[in-house]
Amino acid sequence: MRREIGWAFGLMALFTAVLAPAVGFVVAQVGDRREARGRFLIMAALSSVPILFFLFFGVLFPECPDEYHC
């Protein structure tokens, strides 16, 4: 049960890390605010770093394969 809840919170954190900069950028684009667009682009770049680490180390190179339970 704890493992599923942990995955749910992890996925929700990743989703919100992607959602916030995307929505902010769209709002800044519609409002034609250049300074805000730049901030949201920087925010998106910084948000992508933990997501890439999670995907790389958590999904692509897991410590224990599914056949082995460490």
Protein backbone atom coordinates (compact mmCIF):
# COMPACT_ATOMS: atom_id res chain seq x y z
CA MET A 1 0.00 0.00 0.00
CA ARG A 2 2.77 2.47 0.91
CA ARG A 3 4.59 1.82 -2.34
CA GLU A 4 1.52 2.70 -4.43
CA ILE A 5 0.93 5.87 -2.42
CA GLY A 6 4.57 6.85 -2.84
CA TRP A 7 4.33 6.38 -6.61
CA ALA A 8 1.10 8.39 -6.70
CA PHE A 9 2.68 11.30 -4.82
CA GLY A 10 5.82 11.08 -6.96
CA LEU A 11 3.85 11.17 -10.19
CA MET A 12 1.70 14.04 -8.92
CA ALA A 13 4.83 16.00 -7.99
CA LEU A 14 6.24 15.42 -11.48
CA PHE A 15 2.92 16.41 -13.06
CA THR A 16 2.72 19.66 -11.09
CA ALA A 17 6.39 20.43 -11.81
CA VAL A 18 5.54 20.28 -15.51
CA LEU A 19 2.12 21.86 -15.28
CA ALA A 20 3.02 25.06 -13.41
CA PRO A 21 5.66 26.37 -15.84
CA ALA A 22 3.57 25.37 -18.87
CA VAL A 23 0.45 27.15 -17.67
CA GLY A 24 2.45 30.19 -16.57
CA PHE A 25 4.16 30.39 -19.94
CA VAL A 26 0.83 30.20 -21.79
CA VAL A 27 -0.67 32.92 -19.59
CA ALA A 28 2.41 35.12 -20.13
CA GLN A 29 2.25 34.47 -23.87
CA VAL A 30 -1.42 35.45 -24.05
CA GLY A 31 -0.79 38.53 -21.92
CA ASP A 32 2.24 39.47 -24.08
CA ARG A 33 4.59 39.79 -21.10
CA ARG A 34 8.16 39.15 -22.18
CA GLU A 35 9.74 39.30 -18.74
CA ALA A 36 7.31 36.74 -17.37
CA ARG A 37 7.85 34.46 -20.38
CA GLY A 38 11.58 34.42 -19.70
CA ARG A 39 11.00 33.58 -16.05
CA PHE A 40 8.70 30.72 -16.92
CA LEU A 41 11.18 29.35 -19.46
CA ILE A 42 13.87 29.36 -16.76
CA MET A 43 11.42 27.75 -14.35
CA ALA A 44 10.65 25.02 -16.91
CA ALA A 45 14.35 24.35 -17.46
CA LEU A 46 14.99 24.06 -13.73
CA SER A 47 11.93 21.86 -13.24
CA SER A 48 13.08 19.47 -15.94
CA VAL A 49 16.31 18.58 -14.12
CA PRO A 50 14.68 16.58 -11.27
CA ILE A 51 12.29 15.00 -13.76
CA LEU A 52 15.18 13.82 -15.91
CA PHE A 53 16.99 12.46 -12.85
CA PHE A 54 13.84 10.60 -11.80
CA LEU A 55 13.37 9.12 -15.26
CA PHE A 56 17.03 8.24 -15.70
CA PHE A 57 17.75 6.72 -12.30
CA GLY A 58 14.26 5.62 -11.27
CA VAL A 59 12.98 4.15 -14.50
CA LEU A 60 15.85 3.46 -16.87
CA PHE A 61 18.48 2.27 -14.41
CA PRO A 62 16.70 0.83 -11.38
CA GLU A 63 18.90 -0.55 -8.66
CA CYS A 64 17.11 -3.89 -8.53
CA PRO A 65 15.52 -5.53 -11.57
CA ASP A 66 11.93 -6.72 -11.27
CA GLU A 67 12.96 -10.37 -10.97
CA TYR A 68 15.08 -9.67 -7.88
CA HIS A 69 13.65 -8.20 -4.72
CA CYS A 70 16.40 -6.42 -2.81
